[in-house]
């Protein structure tokens, strides 16, 4: 991979990772509900799970979807149903303002990792990065460069969004504010499904 191509990949990775999407919506909600300390499994699940997904696609899984397209379609609609359920959970979240944490449990490492496979933005990012920033001559090196870039960008983005959510928790001290925030996050999560289902 040339230096110019790597810089372009790094810029793409930063923009793709930090812009709003299902992962960042959920990370923001986790930061608000549980704070930074309890959000670490969620952060690491995104930071490791998405690059692992890229590696799987880059090293062969994409060919399986070409041979059996119905698997991809089934995954798409299962993912949509799961995200609607997550949106409902977010919309009905109730943080406790006295001890700073919500009832229930935050997203686990395995849940966050598995979520990448039903996240439409993750699929778009993975396929775009692999097609745009790998070359036939050095394909394996290119895949590893994409994976490494998203390990760094994924961790940085996940931590930033959780910190943003935790910061909101300290600024807002009226439960009514959180009702609007949670409903907004839930609607954003559902809205993110539109491009996937229309494709």
C-alpha atoms as a PDB file:
ATOM      1  CA  UNK A   1       0.000   0.000   0.000  1.00  0.00           C
ATOM      2  CA  UNK A   2       1.368   3.395  -0.989  1.00  0.00           C
ATOM      3  CA  UNK A   3       1.682   6.281   1.453  1.00  0.00           C
ATOM      4  CA  UNK A   4      -1.003   8.320  -0.363  1.00  0.00           C
ATOM      5  CA  UNK A   5      -3.435   5.408  -0.325  1.00  0.00           C
ATOM      6  CA  UNK A   6      -2.856   4.839   3.383  1.00  0.00           C
ATOM      7  CA  UNK A   7      -3.478   8.539   4.174  1.00  0.00           C
ATOM      8  CA  UNK A   8      -6.707   8.373   2.171  1.00  0.00           C
ATOM      9  CA  UNK A   9      -7.729   5.230   4.078  1.00  0.00           C
ATOM     10  CA  UNK A  10      -6.925   6.901   7.410  1.00  0.00           C
ATOM     11  CA  UNK A  11      -9.083   9.938   6.534  1.00  0.00           C
ATOM     12  CA  UNK A  12     -11.922   7.706   5.323  1.00  0.00           C
ATOM     13  CA  UNK A  13     -11.691   5.597   8.484  1.00  0.00           C
ATOM     14  CA  UNK A  14     -11.930   8.657  10.705  1.00  0.00           C
ATOM     15  CA  UNK A  15     -14.928  10.100   8.907  1.00  0.00           C
ATOM     16  CA  UNK A  16     -16.696   6.742   8.739  1.00  0.00           C
ATOM     17  CA  UNK A  17     -16.050   5.868  12.382  1.00  0.00           C
ATOM     18  CA  UNK A  18     -16.914   9.226  13.973  1.00  0.00           C
ATOM     19  CA  UNK A  19     -20.053  10.138  12.029  1.00  0.00           C
ATOM     20  CA  UNK A  20     -23.412   9.219  13.586  1.00  0.00           C
ATOM     21  CA  UNK A  21     -24.720   5.711  13.008  1.00  0.00           C
ATOM     22  CA  UNK A  22     -26.153   2.756  14.927  1.00  0.00           C
ATOM     23  CA  UNK A  23     -22.917   2.026  16.826  1.00  0.00           C
ATOM     24  CA  UNK A  24     -22.397   5.614  17.897  1.00  0.00           C
ATOM     25  CA  UNK A  25     -26.051   6.064  18.816  1.00  0.00           C
ATOM     26  CA  UNK A  26     -25.843   3.063  21.130  1.00  0.00           C
ATOM     27  CA  UNK A  27     -22.472   4.161  22.561  1.00  0.00           C
ATOM     28  CA  UNK A  28     -23.902   7.592  23.354  1.00  0.00           C
ATOM     29  CA  UNK A  29     -26.843   5.964  25.150  1.00  0.00           C
ATOM     30  CA  UNK A  30     -24.456   3.689  27.071  1.00  0.00           C
ATOM     31  CA  UNK A  31     -22.395   6.694  28.148  1.00  0.00           C
ATOM     32  CA  UNK A  32     -25.491   8.504  29.388  1.00  0.00           C
ATOM     33  CA  UNK A  33     -26.907   5.473  31.184  1.00  0.00           C
ATOM     34  CA  UNK A  34     -23.837   3.815  32.663  1.00  0.00           C
ATOM     35  CA  UNK A  35     -20.842   6.166  32.472  1.00  0.00           C
ATOM     36  CA  UNK A  36     -17.388   5.409  31.079  1.00  0.00           C
ATOM     37  CA  UNK A  37     -16.278   2.682  33.482  1.00  0.00           C
ATOM     38  CA  UNK A  38     -19.192   0.345  32.768  1.00  0.00           C
ATOM     39  CA  UNK A  39     -19.048   1.106  29.042  1.00  0.00           C
ATOM     40  CA  UNK A  40     -15.616  -0.479  28.431  1.00  0.00           C
ATOM     41  CA  UNK A  41     -16.978  -3.846  27.227  1.00  0.00           C
ATOM     42  CA  UNK A  42     -19.189  -2.008  24.739  1.00  0.00           C
ATOM     43  CA  UNK A  43     -16.267   0.163  23.571  1.00  0.00           C
ATOM     44  CA  UNK A  44     -13.955  -2.825  23.078  1.00  0.00           C
ATOM     45  CA  UNK A  45     -16.680  -4.869  21.397  1.00  0.00           C
ATOM     46  CA  UNK A  46     -17.008  -2.185  18.714  1.00  0.00           C
ATOM     47  CA  UNK A  47     -13.253  -1.562  18.443  1.00  0.00           C
ATOM     48  CA  UNK A  48     -12.473  -5.262  17.949  1.00  0.00           C
ATOM     49  CA  UNK A  49     -15.715  -6.638  16.514  1.00  0.00           C
ATOM     50  CA  UNK A  50     -15.878  -4.386  13.467  1.00  0.00           C
ATOM     51  CA  UNK A  51     -12.256  -4.916  12.331  1.00  0.00           C
ATOM     52  CA  UNK A  52     -12.771  -8.658  12.837  1.00  0.00           C
ATOM     53  CA  UNK A  53     -15.804  -8.464  10.576  1.00  0.00           C
ATOM     54  CA  UNK A  54     -13.710  -6.638   7.941  1.00  0.00           C
ATOM     55  CA  UNK A  55     -11.063  -9.353   8.137  1.00  0.00           C
ATOM     56  CA  UNK A  56     -13.683 -12.094   7.674  1.00  0.00           C
ATOM     57  CA  UNK A  57     -15.196 -10.346   4.656  1.00  0.00           C
ATOM     58  CA  UNK A  58     -11.806  -9.506   3.190  1.00  0.00           C
ATOM     59  CA  UNK A  59     -10.482 -13.029   3.503  1.00  0.00           C
ATOM     60  CA  UNK A  60     -13.400 -14.910   2.027  1.00  0.00           C
ATOM     61  CA  UNK A  61     -16.823 -14.383   3.608  1.00  0.00           C
ATOM     62  CA  UNK A  62     -17.795 -11.927   0.885  1.00  0.00           C
ATOM     63  CA  UNK A  63     -17.563 -14.749  -1.664  1.00  0.00           C
ATOM     64  CA  UNK A  64     -20.069 -16.810   0.335  1.00  0.00           C
ATOM     65  CA  UNK A  65     -22.627 -14.003   0.032  1.00  0.00           C
ATOM     66  CA  UNK A  66     -22.026 -13.903  -3.716  1.00  0.00           C
ATOM     67  CA  UNK A  67     -22.766 -17.634  -3.972  1.00  0.00           C
ATOM     68  CA  UNK A  68     -25.675 -17.623  -1.493  1.00  0.00           C
ATOM     69  CA  UNK A  69     -27.244 -14.120  -1.647  1.00  0.00           C
ATOM     70  CA  UNK A  70     -30.239 -15.252   0.410  1.00  0.00           C
ATOM     71  CA  UNK A  71     -27.968 -15.410   3.478  1.00  0.00           C
ATOM     72  CA  UNK A  72     -27.252 -11.714   3.132  1.00  0.00           C
ATOM     73  CA  UNK A  73     -30.952 -10.901   2.670  1.00  0.00           C
ATOM     74  CA  UNK A  74     -31.889 -12.931   5.766  1.00  0.00           C
ATOM     75  CA  UNK A  75     -29.144 -11.216   7.754  1.00  0.00           C
ATOM     76  CA  UNK A  76     -30.345  -7.814   6.592  1.00  0.00           C
ATOM     77  CA  UNK A  77     -33.919  -8.314   7.795  1.00  0.00           C
ATOM     78  CA  UNK A  78     -32.903 -10.033  11.015  1.00  0.00           C
ATOM     79  CA  UNK A  79     -30.624  -7.098  11.690  1.00  0.00           C
ATOM     80  CA  UNK A  80     -33.433  -4.628  10.994  1.00  0.00           C
ATOM     81  CA  UNK A  81     -35.725  -6.399  13.472  1.00  0.00           C
ATOM     82  CA  UNK A  82     -32.975  -6.443  16.094  1.00  0.00           C
ATOM     83  CA  UNK A  83     -32.281  -2.724  15.636  1.00  0.00           C
ATOM     84  CA  UNK A  84     -35.968  -1.866  16.028  1.00  0.00           C
ATOM     85  CA  UNK A  85     -35.918  -3.794  19.315  1.00  0.00           C
ATOM     86  CA  UNK A  86     -32.797  -1.884  20.402  1.00  0.00           C
ATOM     87  CA  UNK A  87     -34.503   1.401  19.515  1.00  0.00           C
ATOM     88  CA  UNK A  88     -37.446   0.445  21.713  1.00  0.00           C
ATOM     89  CA  UNK A  89     -35.040  -0.364  24.569  1.00  0.00           C
ATOM     90  CA  UNK A  90     -33.282   2.987  24.188  1.00  0.00           C
ATOM     91  CA  UNK A  91     -36.563   4.939  24.002  1.00  0.00           C
ATOM     92  CA  UNK A  92     -37.682   3.337  27.271  1.00  0.00           C
ATOM     93  CA  UNK A  93     -34.403   3.792  29.154  1.00  0.00           C
ATOM     94  CA  UNK A  94     -34.704   5.428  32.562  1.00  0.00           C
ATOM     95  CA  UNK A  95     -31.465   6.705  34.096  1.00  0.00           C
ATOM     96  CA  UNK A  96     -31.290   7.138  37.832  1.00  0.00           C
ATOM     97  CA  UNK A  97     -30.200  10.699  38.528  1.00  0.00           C
ATOM     98  CA  UNK A  98     -29.200  10.066  42.130  1.00  0.00           C
ATOM     99  CA  UNK A  99     -26.452   7.472  41.637  1.00  0.00           C
ATOM    100  CA  UNK A 100     -25.630   8.281  37.999  1.00  0.00           C
ATOM    101  CA  UNK A 101     -26.355   4.843  36.570  1.00  0.00           C
ATOM    102  CA  UNK A 102     -29.323   3.226  34.934  1.00  0.00           C
ATOM    103  CA  UNK A 103     -31.012   0.039  35.979  1.00  0.00           C
ATOM    104  CA  UNK A 104     -30.078  -3.033  33.993  1.00  0.00           C
ATOM    105  CA  UNK A 105     -26.836  -3.988  32.310  1.00  0.00           C
ATOM    106  CA  UNK A 106     -24.809  -2.214  29.628  1.00  0.00           C
ATOM    107  CA  UNK A 107     -24.031  -3.812  26.282  1.00  0.00           C
ATOM    108  CA  UNK A 108     -21.497  -6.626  26.689  1.00  0.00           C
ATOM    109  CA  UNK A 109     -18.364  -7.231  24.619  1.00  0.00           C
ATOM    110  CA  UNK A 110     -19.941 -10.152  22.761  1.00  0.00           C
ATOM    111  CA  UNK A 111     -23.191  -8.271  22.113  1.00  0.00           C
ATOM    112  CA  UNK A 112     -21.314  -5.275  20.694  1.00  0.00           C
ATOM    113  CA  UNK A 113     -19.127  -7.535  18.546  1.00  0.00           C
ATOM    114  CA  UNK A 114     -22.091  -9.497  17.217  1.00  0.00           C
ATOM    115  CA  UNK A 115     -24.002  -6.291  16.517  1.00  0.00           C
ATOM    116  CA  UNK A 116     -21.524  -5.393  13.770  1.00  0.00           C
ATOM    117  CA  UNK A 117     -22.931  -8.183  11.612  1.00  0.00           C
ATOM    118  CA  UNK A 118     -26.434  -6.667  11.629  1.00  0.00           C
ATOM    119  CA  UNK A 119     -25.347  -3.024  11.451  1.00  0.00           C
ATOM    120  CA  UNK A 120     -26.037  -1.604   7.965  1.00  0.00           C
ATOM    121  CA  UNK A 121     -23.497   1.206   8.338  1.00  0.00           C
ATOM    122  CA  UNK A 122     -20.820  -1.336   9.296  1.00  0.00           C
ATOM    123  CA  UNK A 123     -21.474  -3.335   6.115  1.00  0.00           C
ATOM    124  CA  UNK A 124     -21.285  -0.239   3.929  1.00  0.00           C
ATOM    125  CA  UNK A 125     -18.067   0.893   5.606  1.00  0.00           C
ATOM    126  CA  UNK A 126     -16.467  -2.549   5.357  1.00  0.00           C
ATOM    127  CA  UNK A 127     -17.308  -3.163   1.699  1.00  0.00           C
ATOM    128  CA  UNK A 128     -16.360   0.388   0.691  1.00  0.00           C
ATOM    129  CA  UNK A 129     -13.020   0.280   2.491  1.00  0.00           C
ATOM    130  CA  UNK A 130     -12.080  -3.126   1.113  1.00  0.00           C
ATOM    131  CA  UNK A 131     -13.007  -2.235  -2.451  1.00  0.00           C
ATOM    132  CA  UNK A 132     -11.419   1.228  -2.429  1.00  0.00           C
ATOM    133  CA  UNK A 133      -8.239   0.720  -0.400  1.00  0.00           C
ATOM    134  CA  UNK A 134      -6.952  -2.707  -1.423  1.00  0.00           C
ATOM    135  CA  UNK A 135      -5.107  -3.638  -4.594  1.00  0.00           C
ATOM    136  CA  UNK A 136      -4.837  -6.971  -6.364  1.00  0.00           C
ATOM    137  CA  UNK A 137      -1.035  -6.873  -6.182  1.00  0.00           C
ATOM    138  CA  UNK A 138      -0.912  -6.486  -2.379  1.00  0.00           C
ATOM    139  CA  UNK A 139      -4.397  -7.584  -1.356  1.00  0.00           C
ATOM    140  CA  UNK A 140      -3.553  -9.199   2.008  1.00  0.00           C
ATOM    141  CA  UNK A 141      -1.484  -6.184   3.070  1.00  0.00           C
ATOM    142  CA  UNK A 142      -4.351  -3.917   2.083  1.00  0.00           C
ATOM    143  CA  UNK A 143      -6.890  -5.898   4.108  1.00  0.00           C
ATOM    144  CA  UNK A 144      -4.609  -5.803   7.154  1.00  0.00           C
ATOM    145  CA  UNK A 145      -4.144  -2.039   6.700  1.00  0.00           C
ATOM    146  CA  UNK A 146      -7.921  -1.547   6.627  1.00  0.00           C
ATOM    147  CA  UNK A 147      -8.314  -3.740   9.708  1.00  0.00           C
ATOM    148  CA  UNK A 148      -5.595  -1.862  11.608  1.00  0.00           C
ATOM    149  CA  UNK A 149      -7.032   1.512  10.672  1.00  0.00           C
ATOM    150  CA  UNK A 150     -10.439   0.589  12.001  1.00  0.00           C
ATOM    151  CA  UNK A 151      -9.034  -0.857  15.223  1.00  0.00           C
ATOM    152  CA  UNK A 152      -7.553   2.579  15.938  1.00  0.00           C
ATOM    153  CA  UNK A 153     -10.460   4.640  14.608  1.00  0.00           C
ATOM    154  CA  UNK A 154     -13.074   2.356  16.105  1.00  0.00           C
ATOM    155  CA  UNK A 155     -11.585   2.590  19.580  1.00  0.00           C
ATOM    156  CA  UNK A 156     -11.101   6.364  19.332  1.00  0.00           C
ATOM    157  CA  UNK A 157     -14.628   6.937  18.075  1.00  0.00           C
ATOM    158  CA  UNK A 158     -16.286   4.579  20.573  1.00  0.00           C
ATOM    159  CA  UNK A 159     -14.509   6.190  23.508  1.00  0.00           C
ATOM    160  CA  UNK A 160     -15.359   9.685  22.249  1.00  0.00           C
ATOM    161  CA  UNK A 161     -19.071   8.949  21.931  1.00  0.00           C
ATOM    162  CA  UNK A 162     -19.212   7.324  25.375  1.00  0.00           C
ATOM    163  CA  UNK A 163     -17.381  10.311  26.877  1.00  0.00           C
ATOM    164  CA  UNK A 164     -19.868  12.619  25.163  1.00  0.00           C
ATOM    165  CA  UNK A 165     -22.755  10.673  26.677  1.00  0.00           C
ATOM    166  CA  UNK A 166     -21.156  10.659  30.122  1.00  0.00           C
ATOM    167  CA  UNK A 167     -20.584  14.411  29.798  1.00  0.00           C
ATOM    168  CA  UNK A 168     -24.255  14.972  29.022  1.00  0.00           C
ATOM    169  CA  UNK A 169     -25.082  13.034  32.160  1.00  0.00           C
ATOM    170  CA  UNK A 170     -23.173  15.552  34.271  1.00  0.00           C
ATOM    171  CA  UNK A 171     -24.682  18.576  32.506  1.00  0.00           C
ATOM    172  CA  UNK A 172     -28.336  17.572  32.451  1.00  0.00           C
ATOM    173  CA  UNK A 173     -30.009  17.002  35.799  1.00  0.00           C
ATOM    174  CA  UNK A 174     -33.675  16.860  34.816  1.00  0.00           C
ATOM    175  CA  UNK A 175     -35.135  13.509  33.822  1.00  0.00           C
ATOM    176  CA  UNK A 176     -37.364  15.182  31.240  1.00  0.00           C
ATOM    177  CA  UNK A 177     -34.281  16.039  29.155  1.00  0.00           C
ATOM    178  CA  UNK A 178     -33.372  12.379  28.954  1.00  0.00           C
ATOM    179  CA  UNK A 179     -36.785  11.426  27.662  1.00  0.00           C
ATOM    180  CA  UNK A 180     -36.252  13.700  24.640  1.00  0.00           C
ATOM    181  CA  UNK A 181     -32.679  12.445  24.160  1.00  0.00           C
ATOM    182  CA  UNK A 182     -33.671   8.779  24.319  1.00  0.00           C
ATOM    183  CA  UNK A 183     -36.570   9.212  21.917  1.00  0.00           C
ATOM    184  CA  UNK A 184     -34.291  11.120  19.550  1.00  0.00           C
ATOM    185  CA  UNK A 185     -31.656   8.391  19.698  1.00  0.00           C
ATOM    186  CA  UNK A 186     -34.269   5.692  19.117  1.00  0.00           C
ATOM    187  CA  UNK A 187     -35.653   7.534  16.084  1.00  0.00           C
ATOM    188  CA  UNK A 188     -32.127   8.025  14.720  1.00  0.00           C
ATOM    189  CA  UNK A 189     -31.476   4.305  15.071  1.00  0.00           C
ATOM    190  CA  UNK A 190     -34.675   3.422  13.204  1.00  0.00           C
ATOM    191  CA  UNK A 191     -33.943   6.070  10.536  1.00  0.00           C
ATOM    192  CA  UNK A 192     -30.561   4.458   9.892  1.00  0.00           C
ATOM    193  CA  UNK A 193     -32.427   1.381   8.639  1.00  0.00           C
ATOM    194  CA  UNK A 194     -34.011   3.197   5.696  1.00  0.00           C
ATOM    195  CA  UNK A 195     -30.988   3.095   3.345  1.00  0.00           C
ATOM    196  CA  UNK A 196     -30.420  -0.587   4.125  1.00  0.00           C
ATOM    197  CA  UNK A 197     -34.031  -1.700   3.560  1.00  0.00           C
ATOM    198  CA  UNK A 198     -34.438   0.375   0.403  1.00  0.00           C
ATOM    199  CA  UNK A 199     -31.239  -0.995  -1.139  1.00  0.00           C
END
